[in-house]
Each structure stands twice: as C-alpha cells, then as structure tokens.
C-alpha cells in the first residue's frame, strides 16, 4: 500500500527561500506547494487542503500573524499546524507569533533537520487529533443506537 505524501503549504514572499526550502522538503519526501502571500495561501487552502503550513512572519501586503489567524479560522474544525519561519529571533516576536495562532517557530537561516523534526512532531499531533475525532464520532454513533 502506497502512503500518501504529506502536503505542506509554504508561504514566503522571498522567492529564493521558497525555492530553496521547497526543494529541500520535496527531496525529503513532502509534497510542497509554495505561494508568496497570505491571500494566495488562503485561496490555495480552499482549493486543496494541506497537512501543515510553513508561514513567514513578515509578508508583503499582510502579516504572517494575520494570515495565520485567517488560516485557523478557515480550518477551525480540524487541527492544521502552522510553523512560523522568520529571521527575527527576539522573544517578543516569538511570543506574538505563538499567541497569534502559530504552533511552533523556527528562526532563519533554517536548519532543515530541525525544521523537519518540528514538522514531524506537529504532524504526529495532527494524526492523533484526527484519530481522537474519528473515535469520538464513532462513539457518538454507538451511543445513539
């Protein structure tokens, strides 16, 4: 049985970063779609779901935090992990990003092994959340019988 590849949406207004990180993650076995801004990210998620979002904290036209809030509102019925990527490493920015709906934070320059490990942790959490949701629905059906 062939396992479906994990779908990553990567949002960054830096074309070089999108190309570099997108290619590196593709080589690690992920299916990666890259877009340059929040508006396109939301349209892309409506067109095709993702399993995880990588989101630059500073985007042209909108902030990464604003985009994250919209993504979370769009997917409020299910856990869609968002990892913020940014060159800013001060604690205040990290706190703001996490309070803005982000599930994790990775500082540029990105260390691919670290990013991959953080992604796998959140993907495991997503998988467990989906399992619990399915079991809860199954239990409710049994209880109604």
N, C-alpha and C. Protein backbone atom coordinates (compact mmCIF):
# COMPACT_ATOMS: atom_id res chain seq x y z
N UNK A 1 0.83 -1.18 0.00
CA UNK A 1 0.00 0.00 0.00
C UNK A 1 0.89 1.25 0.00
N UNK A 2 0.60 2.18 -0.89
CA UNK A 2 1.39 3.41 -1.00
C UNK A 2 0.80 4.44 -0.05
N UNK A 3 1.65 5.02 0.79
CA UNK A 3 1.22 6.03 1.73
C UNK A 3 1.22 7.39 1.04
N UNK A 4 0.16 8.14 1.25
CA UNK A 4 0.06 9.47 0.66
C UNK A 4 1.13 10.38 1.25
N UNK A 5 1.75 11.18 0.40
CA UNK A 5 2.78 12.10 0.86
C UNK A 5 2.17 13.25 1.64
N UNK A 6 2.88 13.70 2.65
CA UNK A 6 2.43 14.81 3.48
C UNK A 6 2.44 16.09 2.65
N UNK A 7 1.33 16.83 2.72
CA UNK A 7 1.16 18.06 1.93
C UNK A 7 1.51 19.29 2.78
N UNK A 8 2.51 20.02 2.32
CA UNK A 8 2.98 21.22 3.01
C UNK A 8 2.64 22.44 2.15
N UNK A 9 2.10 23.47 2.79
CA UNK A 9 1.92 24.76 2.12
C UNK A 9 2.95 25.71 2.72
N UNK A 10 3.81 26.25 1.87
CA UNK A 10 4.88 27.14 2.32
C UNK A 10 4.59 28.55 1.80
N UNK A 11 4.44 29.50 2.73
CA UNK A 11 4.09 30.88 2.40
C UNK A 11 5.26 31.79 2.76
N UNK A 12 5.87 32.38 1.74
CA UNK A 12 7.02 33.27 1.96
C UNK A 12 7.13 34.19 0.77
N UNK A 13 7.31 35.49 1.02
CA UNK A 13 7.42 36.43 -0.10
C UNK A 13 8.83 36.46 -0.70
N UNK A 14 9.76 35.75 -0.12
CA UNK A 14 11.12 35.65 -0.64
C UNK A 14 11.20 34.45 -1.60
N UNK A 15 11.31 34.76 -2.89
CA UNK A 15 11.32 33.71 -3.91
C UNK A 15 12.47 32.72 -3.73
N UNK A 16 13.65 33.22 -3.35
CA UNK A 16 14.80 32.33 -3.14
C UNK A 16 14.55 31.36 -1.98
N UNK A 17 13.97 31.86 -0.90
CA UNK A 17 13.66 31.00 0.25
C UNK A 17 12.64 29.94 -0.15
N UNK A 18 11.59 30.36 -0.88
CA UNK A 18 10.58 29.39 -1.33
C UNK A 18 11.22 28.29 -2.16
N UNK A 19 12.10 28.67 -3.05
CA UNK A 19 12.75 27.70 -3.93
C UNK A 19 13.65 26.76 -3.14
N UNK A 20 14.48 27.32 -2.28
CA UNK A 20 15.44 26.52 -1.51
C UNK A 20 14.75 25.56 -0.53
N UNK A 21 13.87 26.10 0.30
CA UNK A 21 13.21 25.26 1.31
C UNK A 21 12.20 24.32 0.64
N UNK A 22 11.49 24.82 -0.36
CA UNK A 22 10.54 23.97 -1.08
C UNK A 22 11.22 22.77 -1.71
N UNK A 23 12.35 22.99 -2.36
CA UNK A 23 13.10 21.90 -2.99
C UNK A 23 13.64 20.94 -1.95
N UNK A 24 14.21 21.47 -0.88
CA UNK A 24 14.79 20.62 0.17
C UNK A 24 13.73 19.72 0.80
N UNK A 25 12.54 20.27 1.05
CA UNK A 25 11.48 19.47 1.65
C UNK A 25 10.91 18.45 0.67
N UNK A 26 10.86 18.81 -0.59
CA UNK A 26 10.42 17.87 -1.62
C UNK A 26 11.38 16.68 -1.69
N UNK A 27 12.68 16.96 -1.60
CA UNK A 27 13.66 15.89 -1.61
C UNK A 27 13.56 15.00 -0.38
N UNK A 28 12.97 15.52 0.70
CA UNK A 28 12.77 14.72 1.92
C UNK A 28 11.44 13.95 1.88
N UNK A 29 10.73 14.05 0.78
CA UNK A 29 9.53 13.25 0.61
C UNK A 29 8.21 13.96 0.82
N UNK A 30 8.22 15.26 1.05
CA UNK A 30 6.99 16.01 1.23
C UNK A 30 6.48 16.52 -0.13
N UNK A 31 5.18 16.73 -0.22
CA UNK A 31 4.60 17.42 -1.36
C UNK A 31 4.47 18.88 -0.93
N UNK A 32 5.18 19.76 -1.61
CA UNK A 32 5.26 21.16 -1.18
C UNK A 32 4.65 22.07 -2.24
N UNK A 33 3.72 22.92 -1.79
CA UNK A 33 3.17 23.98 -2.64
C UNK A 33 3.64 25.30 -2.03
N UNK A 34 4.17 26.18 -2.87
CA UNK A 34 4.71 27.45 -2.40
C UNK A 34 3.91 28.62 -2.95
N UNK A 35 3.61 29.58 -2.10
CA UNK A 35 2.92 30.80 -2.51
C UNK A 35 3.59 32.00 -1.84
N UNK A 36 3.49 33.19 -2.47
CA UNK A 36 4.21 34.36 -1.94
C UNK A 36 3.47 35.22 -0.93
N UNK A 37 2.16 34.99 -0.72
CA UNK A 37 1.45 35.88 0.21
C UNK A 37 0.26 35.19 0.86
N UNK A 38 -0.29 35.88 1.85
CA UNK A 38 -1.40 35.33 2.62
C UNK A 38 -2.66 35.11 1.81
N UNK A 39 -2.96 36.03 0.93
CA UNK A 39 -4.17 35.91 0.11
C UNK A 39 -4.11 34.64 -0.75
N UNK A 40 -2.97 34.41 -1.36
CA UNK A 40 -2.81 33.21 -2.17
C UNK A 40 -2.80 31.95 -1.31
N UNK A 41 -2.29 32.05 -0.10
CA UNK A 41 -2.29 30.90 0.81
C UNK A 41 -3.71 30.47 1.13
N UNK A 42 -4.57 31.43 1.44
CA UNK A 42 -5.96 31.11 1.75
C UNK A 42 -6.67 30.51 0.54
N UNK A 43 -6.43 31.06 -0.63
CA UNK A 43 -7.03 30.52 -1.85
C UNK A 43 -6.54 29.10 -2.11
N UNK A 44 -5.27 28.87 -1.87
CA UNK A 44 -4.68 27.54 -2.09
C UNK A 44 -5.27 26.53 -1.11
N UNK A 45 -5.48 26.92 0.14
CA UNK A 45 -6.06 26.02 1.13
C UNK A 45 -7.52 25.69 0.82
N UNK A 46 -8.24 26.65 0.27
CA UNK A 46 -9.62 26.39 -0.13
C UNK A 46 -9.66 25.45 -1.32
N UNK A 47 -8.68 25.56 -2.20
CA UNK A 47 -8.61 24.71 -3.39
C UNK A 47 -8.21 23.29 -3.03
N UNK A 48 -7.19 23.18 -2.18
CA UNK A 48 -6.69 21.86 -1.79
C UNK A 48 -6.12 21.95 -0.38
N UNK A 49 -6.57 21.07 0.52
CA UNK A 49 -6.08 21.14 1.90
C UNK A 49 -4.60 20.82 2.02
N UNK A 50 -4.04 21.21 3.14
CA UNK A 50 -2.64 20.91 3.47
C UNK A 50 -2.63 20.18 4.80
N UNK A 51 -1.52 19.52 5.09
CA UNK A 51 -1.34 18.85 6.37
C UNK A 51 -0.60 19.73 7.37
N UNK A 52 0.13 20.72 6.85
CA UNK A 52 0.94 21.61 7.68
C UNK A 52 1.25 22.85 6.87
N UNK A 53 1.33 24.00 7.55
CA UNK A 53 1.66 25.26 6.88
C UNK A 53 2.95 25.81 7.47
N UNK A 54 3.87 26.19 6.59
CA UNK A 54 5.07 26.95 6.96
C UNK A 54 4.79 28.38 6.54
N UNK A 55 4.94 29.32 7.47
CA UNK A 55 4.49 30.68 7.22
C UNK A 55 5.53 31.69 7.66
N UNK A 56 5.99 32.51 6.71
CA UNK A 56 6.93 33.58 7.06
C UNK A 56 6.19 34.59 7.92
N UNK A 57 6.86 35.10 8.92
CA UNK A 57 6.23 36.03 9.85
C UNK A 57 5.97 37.39 9.20
N UNK A 58 6.84 37.80 8.29
CA UNK A 58 6.66 39.09 7.62
C UNK A 58 6.40 38.86 6.14
N UNK A 59 5.21 39.25 5.71
CA UNK A 59 4.80 39.09 4.32
C UNK A 59 4.43 40.45 3.75
N UNK A 60 4.57 40.61 2.46
CA UNK A 60 4.12 41.84 1.82
C UNK A 60 2.60 41.81 1.73
N UNK A 61 1.97 42.91 2.08
CA UNK A 61 0.52 43.01 1.97
C UNK A 61 -0.24 42.60 3.22
N UNK A 62 0.32 41.72 4.03
CA UNK A 62 -0.31 41.33 5.29
C UNK A 62 0.76 40.70 6.17
N UNK A 63 0.47 40.60 7.44
CA UNK A 63 1.45 39.96 8.33
C UNK A 63 1.21 38.46 8.35
N UNK A 64 2.23 37.74 8.73
CA UNK A 64 2.09 36.30 8.88
C UNK A 64 1.08 35.97 9.98
N UNK A 65 1.04 36.78 11.02
CA UNK A 65 0.10 36.54 12.12
C UNK A 65 -1.34 36.71 11.62
N UNK A 66 -1.58 37.75 10.84
CA UNK A 66 -2.92 37.95 10.28
C UNK A 66 -3.30 36.77 9.38
N UNK A 67 -2.36 36.32 8.58
CA UNK A 67 -2.61 35.17 7.71
C UNK A 67 -2.87 33.92 8.53
N UNK A 68 -2.11 33.73 9.60
CA UNK A 68 -2.30 32.57 10.47
C UNK A 68 -3.69 32.57 11.08
N UNK A 69 -4.14 33.70 11.55
CA UNK A 69 -5.48 33.79 12.14
C UNK A 69 -6.55 33.41 11.12
N UNK A 70 -6.37 33.86 9.89
CA UNK A 70 -7.34 33.52 8.84
C UNK A 70 -7.29 32.03 8.50
N UNK A 71 -6.09 31.47 8.48
CA UNK A 71 -5.95 30.03 8.21
C UNK A 71 -6.64 29.24 9.32
N UNK A 72 -6.40 29.61 10.56
CA UNK A 72 -7.01 28.90 11.69
C UNK A 72 -8.54 29.03 11.65
N UNK A 73 -9.05 30.19 11.26
CA UNK A 73 -10.50 30.37 11.15
C UNK A 73 -11.07 29.50 10.03
N UNK A 74 -10.34 29.40 8.95
CA UNK A 74 -10.76 28.60 7.80
C UNK A 74 -10.80 27.12 8.14
N UNK A 75 -9.92 26.68 9.03
CA UNK A 75 -9.79 25.26 9.35
C UNK A 75 -10.14 24.98 10.81
N UNK A 76 -11.08 25.74 11.37
CA UNK A 76 -11.37 25.65 12.80
C UNK A 76 -11.89 24.29 13.24
N UNK A 77 -12.41 23.49 12.32
CA UNK A 77 -12.94 22.18 12.70
C UNK A 77 -11.87 21.11 12.81
N UNK A 78 -10.66 21.42 12.40
CA UNK A 78 -9.57 20.44 12.44
C UNK A 78 -8.26 21.15 12.77
N UNK A 79 -7.33 20.40 13.33
CA UNK A 79 -6.02 20.95 13.68
C UNK A 79 -5.13 21.00 12.44
N UNK A 80 -4.81 22.19 11.99
CA UNK A 80 -3.86 22.40 10.90
C UNK A 80 -2.67 23.14 11.49
N UNK A 81 -1.55 22.43 11.70
CA UNK A 81 -0.39 23.07 12.34
C UNK A 81 0.24 24.15 11.45
N UNK A 82 0.66 25.22 12.12
CA UNK A 82 1.36 26.33 11.45
C UNK A 82 2.69 26.55 12.16
N UNK A 83 3.76 26.51 11.39
CA UNK A 83 5.09 26.84 11.91
C UNK A 83 5.52 28.16 11.29
N UNK A 84 5.79 29.13 12.14
CA UNK A 84 6.30 30.41 11.67
C UNK A 84 7.79 30.31 11.38
N UNK A 85 8.21 30.88 10.26
CA UNK A 85 9.62 30.97 9.90
C UNK A 85 9.96 32.46 9.82
N UNK A 86 11.07 32.87 10.43
CA UNK A 86 11.44 34.27 10.37
C UNK A 86 12.91 34.47 10.72
N UNK A 87 13.45 35.58 10.28
CA UNK A 87 14.83 35.93 10.61
C UNK A 87 14.90 36.58 12.00
N UNK A 88 13.77 36.99 12.52
CA UNK A 88 13.73 37.65 13.84
C UNK A 88 13.74 36.61 14.94
N UNK A 89 14.64 36.78 15.89
CA UNK A 89 14.77 35.77 16.94
C UNK A 89 14.46 36.30 18.34
N UNK A 90 13.97 37.55 18.44
CA UNK A 90 13.71 38.08 19.78
C UNK A 90 12.47 37.42 20.38
N UNK A 91 12.48 37.31 21.69
CA UNK A 91 11.43 36.60 22.42
C UNK A 91 10.06 37.22 22.18
N UNK A 92 9.99 38.54 22.14
CA UNK A 92 8.70 39.22 21.95
C UNK A 92 8.04 38.78 20.64
N UNK A 93 8.83 38.64 19.58
CA UNK A 93 8.29 38.19 18.29
C UNK A 93 7.81 36.75 18.36
N UNK A 94 8.57 35.92 19.04
CA UNK A 94 8.17 34.51 19.19
C UNK A 94 6.85 34.42 19.94
N UNK A 95 6.73 35.15 21.03
CA UNK A 95 5.50 35.13 21.82
C UNK A 95 4.33 35.64 20.98
N UNK A 96 4.53 36.73 20.26
CA UNK A 96 3.48 37.29 19.42
C UNK A 96 3.03 36.28 18.36
N UNK A 97 3.97 35.58 17.77
CA UNK A 97 3.65 34.58 16.75
C UNK A 97 2.86 33.42 17.34
N UNK A 98 3.26 32.94 18.48
CA UNK A 98 2.57 31.82 19.11
C UNK A 98 1.19 32.23 19.61
N UNK A 99 1.09 33.42 20.17
CA UNK A 99 -0.22 33.92 20.62
C UNK A 99 -1.13 34.24 19.44
N UNK A 100 -0.54 34.48 18.28
CA UNK A 100 -1.31 34.76 17.07
C UNK A 100 -1.81 33.50 16.37
N UNK A 101 -1.61 32.34 17.00
CA UNK A 101 -2.15 31.11 16.43
C UNK A 101 -1.12 30.13 15.94
N UNK A 102 0.14 30.53 15.90
CA UNK A 102 1.18 29.61 15.46
C UNK A 102 1.38 28.47 16.44
N UNK A 103 1.79 27.33 15.92
CA UNK A 103 2.00 26.16 16.77
C UNK A 103 3.47 25.93 17.08
N UNK A 104 4.35 26.57 16.30
CA UNK A 104 5.79 26.47 16.55
C UNK A 104 6.46 27.61 15.80
N UNK A 105 7.78 27.71 15.99
CA UNK A 105 8.54 28.84 15.50
C UNK A 105 9.92 28.34 15.12
N UNK A 106 10.43 28.74 13.97
CA UNK A 106 11.77 28.35 13.54
C UNK A 106 12.49 29.59 12.99
N UNK A 107 13.70 29.83 13.47
CA UNK A 107 14.45 31.03 13.10
C UNK A 107 15.32 30.76 11.87
N UNK A 108 15.29 31.73 10.94
CA UNK A 108 16.15 31.66 9.75
C UNK A 108 17.55 32.10 10.14
N UNK A 109 18.60 31.57 9.57
CA UNK A 109 18.57 30.58 8.49
C UNK A 109 18.06 29.24 9.02
N UNK A 110 17.23 28.62 8.23
CA UNK A 110 16.56 27.37 8.63
C UNK A 110 17.55 26.22 8.61
N UNK A 111 17.57 25.47 9.70
CA UNK A 111 18.32 24.22 9.76
C UNK A 111 17.32 23.13 9.40
N UNK A 112 17.50 22.50 8.25
CA UNK A 112 16.49 21.57 7.73
C UNK A 112 16.20 20.40 8.66
N UNK A 113 17.21 19.86 9.34
CA UNK A 113 16.96 18.76 10.26
C UNK A 113 16.06 19.21 11.41
N UNK A 114 16.29 20.42 11.92
CA UNK A 114 15.45 20.94 12.99
C UNK A 114 14.03 21.19 12.50
N UNK A 115 13.89 21.84 11.35
CA UNK A 115 12.57 22.10 10.79
C UNK A 115 11.82 20.79 10.55
N UNK A 116 12.49 19.81 9.98
CA UNK A 116 11.87 18.52 9.70
C UNK A 116 11.40 17.86 11.00
N UNK A 117 12.21 17.93 12.05
CA UNK A 117 11.83 17.34 13.34
C UNK A 117 10.62 18.06 13.92
N UNK A 118 10.59 19.39 13.84
CA UNK A 118 9.46 20.15 14.35
C UNK A 118 8.19 19.82 13.56
N UNK A 119 8.34 19.67 12.25
CA UNK A 119 7.21 19.32 11.41
C UNK A 119 6.66 17.95 11.79
N UNK A 120 7.56 16.98 11.99
CA UNK A 120 7.11 15.62 12.32
C UNK A 120 6.38 15.57 13.65
N UNK A 121 6.82 16.37 14.63
CA UNK A 121 6.13 16.43 15.93
C UNK A 121 4.70 16.93 15.73
N UNK A 122 4.55 18.01 14.99
CA UNK A 122 3.21 18.58 14.79
C UNK A 122 2.34 17.67 13.92
N UNK A 123 2.95 16.98 12.97
CA UNK A 123 2.18 16.04 12.15
C UNK A 123 1.70 14.84 12.97
N UNK A 124 2.51 14.40 13.94
CA UNK A 124 2.06 13.34 14.85
C UNK A 124 0.88 13.83 15.69
N UNK A 125 0.97 15.06 16.17
CA UNK A 125 -0.13 15.64 16.94
C UNK A 125 -1.39 15.72 16.09
N UNK A 126 -1.24 16.12 14.84
CA UNK A 126 -2.38 16.21 13.92
C UNK A 126 -3.00 14.84 13.70
N UNK A 127 -2.16 13.85 13.52
CA UNK A 127 -2.65 12.49 13.31
C UNK A 127 -3.42 12.00 14.53
N UNK A 128 -2.91 12.26 15.70
CA UNK A 128 -3.60 11.85 16.94
C UNK A 128 -4.91 12.59 17.11
N UNK A 129 -4.93 13.87 16.77
CA UNK A 129 -6.16 14.66 16.87
C UNK A 129 -7.21 14.09 15.92
N UNK A 130 -6.81 13.74 14.71
CA UNK A 130 -7.76 13.16 13.74
C UNK A 130 -8.28 11.81 14.23
N UNK A 131 -7.41 11.00 14.81
CA UNK A 131 -7.83 9.71 15.35
C UNK A 131 -8.85 9.90 16.47
N UNK A 132 -8.55 10.81 17.40
CA UNK A 132 -9.47 11.05 18.52
C UNK A 132 -10.81 11.60 18.03
N UNK A 133 -10.78 12.45 17.04
CA UNK A 133 -12.02 13.00 16.46
C UNK A 133 -12.85 11.87 15.85
N UNK A 134 -12.21 10.97 15.11
CA UNK A 134 -12.91 9.85 14.49
C UNK A 134 -13.48 8.90 15.55
N UNK A 135 -12.69 8.62 16.59
CA UNK A 135 -13.17 7.75 17.66
C UNK A 135 -14.33 8.38 18.41
N UNK A 136 -14.29 9.68 18.62
CA UNK A 136 -15.38 10.38 19.29
C UNK A 136 -16.66 10.28 18.46
N UNK A 137 -16.54 10.47 17.16
CA UNK A 137 -17.71 10.36 16.28
C UNK A 137 -18.24 8.92 16.29
N UNK A 138 -17.35 7.95 16.26
CA UNK A 138 -17.76 6.55 16.29
C UNK A 138 -18.48 6.24 17.60
N UNK A 139 -17.95 6.73 18.70
CA UNK A 139 -18.57 6.52 20.00
C UNK A 139 -19.95 7.14 20.05
N UNK A 140 -20.10 8.35 19.50
CA UNK A 140 -21.41 9.02 19.50
C UNK A 140 -22.44 8.21 18.71
N UNK A 141 -22.01 7.63 17.59
CA UNK A 141 -22.93 6.80 16.80
C UNK A 141 -23.37 5.57 17.57
N UNK A 142 -22.42 4.96 18.28
CA UNK A 142 -22.74 3.77 19.09
C UNK A 142 -23.68 4.14 20.21
N UNK A 143 -23.43 5.29 20.85
CA UNK A 143 -24.25 5.71 21.98
C UNK A 143 -25.67 6.03 21.56
N UNK A 144 -25.86 6.44 20.31
CA UNK A 144 -27.19 6.77 19.82
C UNK A 144 -28.01 5.54 19.45
N UNK A 145 -27.35 4.42 19.27
CA UNK A 145 -28.05 3.20 18.86
C UNK A 145 -28.84 2.60 19.97
